[in-house]
PDB file of all heavy atoms in Angstrom:
ATOM      1  N   ILE A   1      62.945 131.381  68.025  1.00  0.00           N
ATOM      2  CA  ILE A   1      61.847 130.855  67.280  1.00  0.00           C
ATOM      3  C   ILE A   1      60.627 130.810  68.201  1.00  0.00           C
ATOM      4  O   ILE A   1      60.648 130.147  69.225  1.00  0.00           O
ATOM      5  CB  ILE A   1      62.138 129.544  66.647  1.00  0.00           C
ATOM      6  CG1 ILE A   1      63.344 129.613  65.680  1.00  0.00           C
ATOM      7  CG2 ILE A   1      60.890 128.959  65.905  1.00  0.00           C
ATOM      8  CD1 ILE A   1      63.747 128.339  65.075  1.00  0.00           C
ATOM      9  N   THR A   2      59.530 131.513  67.865  1.00  0.00           N
ATOM     10  CA  THR A   2      58.381 131.619  68.684  1.00  0.00           C
ATOM     11  C   THR A   2      57.122 131.495  67.819  1.00  0.00           C
ATOM     12  O   THR A   2      57.158 131.905  66.646  1.00  0.00           O
ATOM     13  CB  THR A   2      58.321 132.911  69.516  1.00  0.00           C
ATOM     14  OG1 THR A   2      57.082 132.954  70.287  1.00  0.00           O
ATOM     15  CG2 THR A   2      58.362 134.115  68.627  1.00  0.00           C
ATOM     16  N   MET A   3      56.091 130.917  68.379  1.00  0.00           N
ATOM     17  CA  MET A   3      54.819 130.683  67.641  1.00  0.00           C
ATOM     18  C   MET A   3      54.079 132.027  67.405  1.00  0.00           C
ATOM     19  O   MET A   3      53.345 132.158  66.426  1.00  0.00           O
ATOM     20  CB  MET A   3      53.928 129.722  68.348  1.00  0.00           C
ATOM     21  CG  MET A   3      54.481 128.325  68.412  1.00  0.00           C
ATOM     22  SD  MET A   3      53.561 127.205  69.553  1.00  0.00           S
ATOM     23  CE  MET A   3      51.969 127.274  68.790  1.00  0.00           C
ATOM     24  N   ASP A   4      54.253 132.979  68.338  1.00  0.00           N
ATOM     25  CA  ASP A   4      53.487 134.230  68.217  1.00  0.00           C
ATOM     26  C   ASP A   4      54.331 135.377  68.741  1.00  0.00           C
ATOM     27  O   ASP A   4      54.560 135.501  69.962  1.00  0.00           O
ATOM     28  CB  ASP A   4      52.160 134.098  69.024  1.00  0.00           C
ATOM     29  CG  ASP A   4      51.248 135.268  68.737  1.00  0.00           C
ATOM     30  OD1 ASP A   4      51.651 136.307  68.178  1.00  0.00           O
ATOM     31  OD2 ASP A   4      50.005 135.131  69.050  1.00  0.00           O
ATOM     32  N   MET A   5      54.810 136.231  67.873  1.00  0.00           N
ATOM     33  CA  MET A   5      55.628 137.366  68.272  1.00  0.00           C
ATOM     34  C   MET A   5      54.844 138.390  69.053  1.00  0.00           C
ATOM     35  O   MET A   5      55.486 139.269  69.705  1.00  0.00           O
ATOM     36  CB  MET A   5      56.213 138.024  67.010  1.00  0.00           C
ATOM     37  CG  MET A   5      57.247 137.160  66.269  1.00  0.00           C
ATOM     38  SD  MET A   5      57.731 137.879  64.706  1.00  0.00           S
ATOM     39  CE  MET A   5      58.472 139.430  65.239  1.00  0.00           C
ATOM     40  N   ASN A   6      53.526 138.324  69.052  1.00  0.00           N
ATOM     41  CA  ASN A   6      52.734 139.291  69.833  1.00  0.00           C
ATOM     42  C   ASN A   6      52.474 138.772  71.218  1.00  0.00           C
ATOM     43  O   ASN A   6      51.757 139.446  72.056  1.00  0.00           O
ATOM     44  CB  ASN A   6      51.406 139.517  69.130  1.00  0.00           C
ATOM     45  CG  ASN A   6      51.577 140.151  67.775  1.00  0.00           C
ATOM     46  OD1 ASN A   6      52.381 141.052  67.621  1.00  0.00           O
ATOM     47  ND2 ASN A   6      50.816 139.671  66.804  1.00  0.00           N
ATOM     48  N   LYS A   7      53.047 137.596  71.590  1.00  0.00           N
ATOM     49  CA  LYS A   7      52.851 137.083  72.972  1.00  0.00           C
ATOM     50  C   LYS A   7      54.189 136.654  73.574  1.00  0.00           C
ATOM     51  O   LYS A   7      54.304 135.690  74.305  1.00  0.00           O
ATOM     52  CB  LYS A   7      51.885 135.896  72.947  1.00  0.00           C
ATOM     53  CG  LYS A   7      50.478 136.308  72.584  1.00  0.00           C
ATOM     54  CD  LYS A   7      49.479 135.207  72.627  1.00  0.00           C
ATOM     55  CE  LYS A   7      48.056 135.701  72.313  1.00  0.00           C
ATOM     56  NZ  LYS A   7      47.043 134.575  72.262  1.00  0.00           N
ATOM     57  N   ILE A   8      55.212 137.468  73.279  1.00  0.00           N
ATOM     58  CA  ILE A   8      56.537 137.216  73.825  1.00  0.00           C
ATOM     59  C   ILE A   8      56.424 137.383  75.372  1.00  0.00           C
ATOM     60  O   ILE A   8      55.843 138.331  75.871  1.00  0.00           O
ATOM     61  CB  ILE A   8      57.538 138.301  73.269  1.00  0.00           C
ATOM     62  CG1 ILE A   8      57.759 138.044  71.795  1.00  0.00           C
ATOM     63  CG2 ILE A   8      58.800 138.312  74.045  1.00  0.00           C
ATOM     64  CD1 ILE A   8      58.615 136.902  71.462  1.00  0.00           C
ATOM     65  N   ALA A   9      57.006 136.462  76.076  1.00  0.00           N
ATOM     66  CA  ALA A   9      57.018 136.472  77.574  1.00  0.00           C
ATOM     67  C   ALA A   9      55.600 136.658  78.105  1.00  0.00           C
ATOM     68  O   ALA A   9      55.397 137.359  79.070  1.00  0.00           O
ATOM     69  CB  ALA A   9      57.929 137.616  78.081  1.00  0.00           C
ATOM     70  N   GLN A  10      54.686 135.985  77.512  1.00  0.00           N
ATOM     71  CA  GLN A  10      53.270 136.005  78.004  1.00  0.00           C
ATOM     72  C   GLN A  10      53.217 135.470  79.438  1.00  0.00           C
ATOM     73  O   GLN A  10      53.792 134.510  79.804  1.00  0.00           O
ATOM     74  CB  GLN A  10      52.402 135.096  77.122  1.00  0.00           C
ATOM     75  CG  GLN A  10      50.990 134.832  77.636  1.00  0.00           C
ATOM     76  CD  GLN A  10      50.052 136.003  77.499  1.00  0.00           C
ATOM     77  OE1 GLN A  10      50.247 137.011  78.246  1.00  0.00           O
ATOM     78  NE2 GLN A  10      49.039 135.895  76.667  1.00  0.00           N
ATOM     79  N   MET A  11      52.461 136.215  80.263  1.00  0.00           N
ATOM     80  CA  MET A  11      52.224 135.761  81.660  1.00  0.00           C
ATOM     81  C   MET A  11      50.947 134.992  81.698  1.00  0.00           C
ATOM     82  O   MET A  11      49.865 135.469  81.891  1.00  0.00           O
ATOM     83  CB  MET A  11      52.200 137.028  82.573  1.00  0.00           C
ATOM     84  CG  MET A  11      53.505 137.812  82.528  1.00  0.00           C
ATOM     85  SD  MET A  11      53.329 139.377  83.359  1.00  0.00           S
ATOM     86  CE  MET A  11      54.410 139.083  84.773  1.00  0.00           C
ATOM     87  N   SER A  12      51.061 133.689  81.431  1.00  0.00           N
ATOM     88  CA  SER A  12      49.930 132.806  81.230  1.00  0.00           C
ATOM     89  C   SER A  12      49.102 132.703  82.446  1.00  0.00           C
ATOM     90  O   SER A  12      47.873 132.449  82.381  1.00  0.00           O
ATOM     91  CB  SER A  12      50.391 131.377  80.839  1.00  0.00           C
ATOM     92  OG  SER A  12      51.334 131.456  79.777  1.00  0.00           O
ATOM     93  N   CYS A  13      49.677 132.811  83.676  1.00  0.00           N
ATOM     94  CA  CYS A  13      48.947 132.765  84.866  1.00  0.00           C
ATOM     95  C   CYS A  13      48.900 134.144  85.483  1.00  0.00           C
ATOM     96  O   CYS A  13      48.494 135.133  84.851  1.00  0.00           O
ATOM     97  CB  CYS A  13      49.593 131.734  85.828  1.00  0.00           C
ATOM     98  SG  CYS A  13      48.452 131.046  87.041  1.00  0.00           S
ATOM     99  N   ASN A  14      49.273 134.315  86.695  1.00  0.00           N
ATOM    100  CA  ASN A  14      49.229 135.640  87.362  1.00  0.00           C
ATOM    101  C   ASN A  14      50.190 136.609  86.761  1.00  0.00           C
ATOM    102  O   ASN A  14      51.361 136.270  86.625  1.00  0.00           O
ATOM    103  CB  ASN A  14      49.552 135.445  88.865  1.00  0.00           C
ATOM    104  CG  ASN A  14      49.205 136.692  89.705  1.00  0.00           C
ATOM    105  OD1 ASN A  14      48.765 137.694  89.151  1.00  0.00           O
ATOM    106  ND2 ASN A  14      49.376 136.565  91.007  1.00  0.00           N
ATOM    107  N   PRO A  15      49.794 137.809  86.396  1.00  0.00           N
ATOM    108  CA  PRO A  15      50.778 138.815  85.881  1.00  0.00           C
ATOM    109  C   PRO A  15      51.574 139.403  87.011  1.00  0.00           C
ATOM    110  O   PRO A  15      51.493 140.617  87.251  1.00  0.00           O
ATOM    111  CB  PRO A  15      49.823 139.796  85.173  1.00  0.00           C
ATOM    112  CG  PRO A  15      48.582 139.780  85.939  1.00  0.00           C
ATOM    113  CD  PRO A  15      48.416 138.312  86.357  1.00  0.00           C
ATOM    114  N   ALA A  16      52.303 138.601  87.693  1.00  0.00           N
ATOM    115  CA  ALA A  16      53.137 139.051  88.808  1.00  0.00           C
ATOM    116  C   ALA A  16      54.464 138.386  88.731  1.00  0.00           C
ATOM    117  O   ALA A  16      54.599 137.267  88.283  1.00  0.00           O
ATOM    118  CB  ALA A  16      52.453 138.750  90.141  1.00  0.00           C
ATOM    119  N   VAL A  17      55.479 139.113  89.198  1.00  0.00           N
ATOM    120  CA  VAL A  17      56.889 138.600  89.212  1.00  0.00           C
ATOM    121  C   VAL A  17      57.395 138.631  90.620  1.00  0.00           C
ATOM    122  O   VAL A  17      57.176 139.630  91.371  1.00  0.00           O
ATOM    123  CB  VAL A  17      57.797 139.426  88.282  1.00  0.00           C
ATOM    124  CG1 VAL A  17      59.242 139.087  88.469  1.00  0.00           C
ATOM    125  CG2 VAL A  17      57.338 139.239  86.842  1.00  0.00           C
ATOM    126  N   GLY A  18      58.096 137.625  91.080  1.00  0.00           N
ATOM    127  CA  GLY A  18      58.725 137.615  92.419  1.00  0.00           C
ATOM    128  C   GLY A  18      57.892 136.830  93.380  1.00  0.00           C
ATOM    129  O   GLY A  18      57.018 136.032  93.032  1.00  0.00           O
ATOM    130  N   GLY A  19      58.150 137.045  94.637  1.00  0.00           N
ATOM    131  CA  GLY A  19      57.572 136.320  95.746  1.00  0.00           C
ATOM    132  C   GLY A  19      58.632 135.661  96.565  1.00  0.00           C
ATOM    133  O   GLY A  19      59.847 135.890  96.328  1.00  0.00           O
ATOM    134  N   ILE A  20      58.227 134.836  97.511  1.00  0.00           N
ATOM    135  CA  ILE A  20      59.173 134.198  98.397  1.00  0.00           C
ATOM    136  C   ILE A  20      60.167 133.399  97.595  1.00  0.00           C
ATOM    137  O   ILE A  20      59.840 132.479  96.881  1.00  0.00           O
ATOM    138  CB  ILE A  20      58.475 133.295  99.413  1.00  0.00           C
ATOM    139  CG1 ILE A  20      57.324 134.044 100.162  1.00  0.00           C
ATOM    140  CG2 ILE A  20      59.476 132.664 100.414  1.00  0.00           C
ATOM    141  CD1 ILE A  20      57.828 135.248 100.927  1.00  0.00           C
ATOM    142  N   ALA A  21      61.456 133.667  97.723  1.00  0.00           N
ATOM    143  CA  ALA A  21      62.579 133.069  97.038  1.00  0.00           C
ATOM    144  C   ALA A  21      62.611 133.394  95.499  1.00  0.00           C
ATOM    145  O   ALA A  21      63.684 133.456  94.918  1.00  0.00           O
ATOM    146  CB  ALA A  21      62.633 131.517  97.283  1.00  0.00           C
ATOM    147  N   LYS A  22      61.435 133.513  94.883  1.00  0.00           N
ATOM    148  CA  LYS A  22      61.356 133.836  93.489  1.00  0.00           C
ATOM    149  C   LYS A  22      61.905 135.191  93.247  1.00  0.00           C
ATOM    150  O   LYS A  22      62.596 135.459  92.204  1.00  0.00           O
ATOM    151  CB  LYS A  22      59.916 133.698  93.008  1.00  0.00           C
ATOM    152  CG  LYS A  22      59.339 132.334  93.009  1.00  0.00           C
ATOM    153  CD  LYS A  22      57.803 132.403  92.816  1.00  0.00           C
ATOM    154  CE  LYS A  22      57.190 130.997  92.569  1.00  0.00           C
ATOM    155  NZ  LYS A  22      57.356 130.552  91.235  1.00  0.00           N
ATOM    156  N   GLY A  23      61.620 136.134  94.171  1.00  0.00           N
ATOM    157  CA  GLY A  23      62.160 137.470  94.023  1.00  0.00           C
ATOM    158  C   GLY A  23      63.675 137.495  94.021  1.00  0.00           C
ATOM    159  O   GLY A  23      64.310 138.294  93.304  1.00  0.00           O
ATOM    160  N   GLN A  24      64.304 136.656  94.857  1.00  0.00           N
ATOM    161  CA  GLN A  24      65.757 136.557  94.912  1.00  0.00           C
ATOM    162  C   GLN A  24      66.267 136.102  93.550  1.00  0.00           C
ATOM    163  O   GLN A  24      67.295 136.610  93.071  1.00  0.00           O
ATOM    164  CB  GLN A  24      66.163 135.577  96.008  1.00  0.00           C
ATOM    165  CG  GLN A  24      66.119 136.128  97.414  1.00  0.00           C
ATOM    166  CD  GLN A  24      64.786 135.992  98.128  1.00  0.00           C
ATOM    167  OE1 GLN A  24      63.751 136.024  97.456  1.00  0.00           O
ATOM    168  NE2 GLN A  24      64.821 135.822  99.418  1.00  0.00           N
ATOM    169  N   ILE A  25      65.591 135.148  92.915  1.00  0.00           N
ATOM    170  CA  ILE A  25      65.975 134.689  91.574  1.00  0.00           C
ATOM    171  C   ILE A  25      66.002 135.833  90.567  1.00  0.00           C
ATOM    172  O   ILE A  25      66.939 135.954  89.797  1.00  0.00           O
ATOM    173  CB  ILE A  25      65.097 133.486  91.114  1.00  0.00           C
ATOM    174  CG1 ILE A  25      65.403 132.261  91.931  1.00  0.00           C
ATOM    175  CG2 ILE A  25      65.363 133.198  89.684  1.00  0.00           C
ATOM    176  CD1 ILE A  25      64.447 131.072  91.619  1.00  0.00           C
ATOM    177  N   VAL A  26      64.984 136.651  90.630  1.00  0.00           N
ATOM    178  CA  VAL A  26      64.885 137.744  89.643  1.00  0.00           C
ATOM    179  C   VAL A  26      66.022 138.787  89.851  1.00  0.00           C
ATOM    180  O   VAL A  26      66.585 139.226  88.893  1.00  0.00           O
ATOM    181  CB  VAL A  26      63.525 138.474  89.724  1.00  0.00           C
ATOM    182  CG1 VAL A  26      63.473 139.589  88.698  1.00  0.00           C
ATOM    183  CG2 VAL A  26      62.390 137.474  89.472  1.00  0.00           C
ATOM    184  N   ARG A  27      66.362 139.039  91.091  1.00  0.00           N
ATOM    185  CA  ARG A  27      67.484 139.977  91.377  1.00  0.00           C
ATOM    186  C   ARG A  27      68.777 139.320  90.911  1.00  0.00           C
ATOM    187  O   ARG A  27      69.673 140.045  90.490  1.00  0.00           O
ATOM    188  CB  ARG A  27      67.531 140.266  92.916  1.00  0.00           C
ATOM    189  CG  ARG A  27      66.312 141.067  93.364  1.00  0.00           C
ATOM    190  CD  ARG A  27      66.649 142.096  94.404  1.00  0.00           C
ATOM    191  NE  ARG A  27      66.952 143.362  93.803  1.00  0.00           N
ATOM    192  CZ  ARG A  27      67.392 144.419  94.474  1.00  0.00           C
ATOM    193  NH1 ARG A  27      67.551 144.351  95.824  1.00  0.00           N
ATOM    194  NH2 ARG A  27      67.651 145.537  93.829  1.00  0.00           N
ATOM    195  N   GLU A  28      68.916 138.010  91.042  1.00  0.00           N
ATOM    196  CA  GLU A  28      70.102 137.320  90.519  1.00  0.00           C
ATOM    197  C   GLU A  28      70.184 137.387  89.023  1.00  0.00           C
ATOM    198  O   GLU A  28      71.270 137.606  88.438  1.00  0.00           O
ATOM    199  CB  GLU A  28      70.134 135.904  90.996  1.00  0.00           C
ATOM    200  CG  GLU A  28      70.352 135.744  92.501  1.00  0.00           C
ATOM    201  CD  GLU A  28      70.155 134.362  93.060  1.00  0.00           C
ATOM    202  OE1 GLU A  28      69.757 133.461  92.296  1.00  0.00           O
ATOM    203  OE2 GLU A  28      70.394 134.150  94.269  1.00  0.00           O
ATOM    204  N   ILE A  29      69.074 137.192  88.384  1.00  0.00           N
ATOM    205  CA  ILE A  29      69.028 137.363  86.880  1.00  0.00           C
ATOM    206  C   ILE A  29      69.495 138.692  86.499  1.00  0.00           C
ATOM    207  O   ILE A  29      70.352 138.945  85.574  1.00  0.00           O
ATOM    208  CB  ILE A  29      67.604 137.073  86.331  1.00  0.00           C
ATOM    209  CG1 ILE A  29      67.217 135.622  86.544  1.00  0.00           C
ATOM    210  CG2 ILE A  29      67.495 137.467  84.856  1.00  0.00           C
ATOM    211  CD1 ILE A  29      65.716 135.326  86.257  1.00  0.00           C
ATOM    212  N   ASP A  30      68.985 139.736  87.246  1.00  0.00           N
ATOM    213  CA  ASP A  30      69.377 141.092  86.955  1.00  0.00           C
ATOM    214  C   ASP A  30      70.816 141.368  87.181  1.00  0.00           C
ATOM    215  O   ASP A  30      71.549 142.035  86.372  1.00  0.00           O
ATOM    216  CB  ASP A  30      68.527 142.068  87.845  1.00  0.00           C
ATOM    217  CG  ASP A  30      68.837 143.492  87.551  1.00  0.00           C
ATOM    218  OD1 ASP A  30      68.466 143.985  86.533  1.00  0.00           O
ATOM    219  OD2 ASP A  30      69.511 144.116  88.447  1.00  0.00           O
ATOM    220  N   ALA A  31      71.386 140.836  88.293  1.00  0.00           N
ATOM    221  CA  ALA A  31      72.798 141.035  88.599  1.00  0.00           C
ATOM    222  C   ALA A  31      73.693 140.378  87.559  1.00  0.00           C
ATOM    223  O   ALA A  31      74.785 140.931  87.287  1.00  0.00           O
ATOM    224  CB  ALA A  31      73.102 140.511  90.022  1.00  0.00           C
ATOM    225  N   LEU A  32      73.250 139.261  86.969  1.00  0.00           N
ATOM    226  CA  LEU A  32      74.009 138.621  85.961  1.00  0.00           C
ATOM    227  C   LEU A  32      73.964 139.353  84.592  1.00  0.00           C
ATOM    228  O   LEU A  32      74.695 139.020  83.653  1.00  0.00           O
ATOM    229  CB  LEU A  32      73.514 137.158  85.739  1.00  0.00           C
ATOM    230  CG  LEU A  32      74.069 136.107  86.669  1.00  0.00           C
ATOM    231  CD1 LEU A  32      73.369 134.758  86.392  1.00  0.00           C
ATOM    232  CD2 LEU A  32      75.592 135.898  86.468  1.00  0.00           C
ATOM    233  N   GLY A  33      73.072 140.346  84.482  1.00  0.00           N
ATOM    234  CA  GLY A  33      72.917 141.037  83.218  1.00  0.00           C
ATOM    235  C   GLY A  33      71.646 140.641  82.466  1.00  0.00           C
ATOM    236  O   GLY A  33      71.494 141.031  81.282  1.00  0.00           O
ATOM    237  N   GLY A  34      70.743 139.893  83.120  1.00  0.00           N
ATOM    238  CA  GLY A  34      69.502 139.483  82.473  1.00  0.00           C
ATOM    239  C   GLY A  34      68.484 140.654  82.483  1.00  0.00           C
ATOM    240  O   GLY A  34      68.788 141.752  82.949  1.00  0.00           O
ATOM    241  N   GLN A  35      67.300 140.384  81.939  1.00  0.00           N
ATOM    242  CA  GLN A  35      66.368 141.461  81.655  1.00  0.00           C
ATOM    243  C   GLN A  35      65.119 141.426  82.481  1.00  0.00           C
ATOM    244  O   GLN A  35      64.385 142.480  82.527  1.00  0.00           O
ATOM    245  CB  GLN A  35      65.951 141.401  80.187  1.00  0.00           C
ATOM    246  CG  GLN A  35      67.173 141.395  79.193  1.00  0.00           C
ATOM    247  CD  GLN A  35      67.983 142.641  79.318  1.00  0.00           C
ATOM    248  OE1 GLN A  35      67.445 143.739  79.419  1.00  0.00           O
ATOM    249  NE2 GLN A  35      69.313 142.502  79.248  1.00  0.00           N
ATOM    250  N   MET A  36      64.768 140.339  83.151  1.00  0.00           N
ATOM    251  CA  MET A  36      63.427 140.244  83.811  1.00  0.00           C
ATOM    252  C   MET A  36      63.226 141.341  84.838  1.00  0.00           C
ATOM    253  O   MET A  36      62.122 141.893  84.913  1.00  0.00           O
ATOM    254  CB  MET A  36      63.271 138.854  84.448  1.00  0.00           C
ATOM    255  CG  MET A  36      61.908 138.642  85.095  1.00  0.00           C
ATOM    256  SD  MET A  36      61.718 137.005  85.853  1.00  0.00           S
ATOM    257  CE  MET A  36      61.386 136.001  84.405  1.00  0.00           C
ATOM    258  N   GLY A  37      64.227 141.657  85.575  1.00  0.00           N
ATOM    259  CA  GLY A  37      64.066 142.679  86.654  1.00  0.00           C
ATOM    260  C   GLY A  37      63.814 144.037  86.075  1.00  0.00           C
ATOM    261  O   GLY A  37      62.903 144.801  86.547  1.00  0.00           O
TER     262      GLY A  37
END
């Protein structure tokens, strides 16, 4: 359930993914079968 289907996964701040330790989390999400990576 979302307020706006045209803003799914909106990057409200910087349109960037990853960074120090954050990048490791994204690779873990991917290894588990997630989609962010």
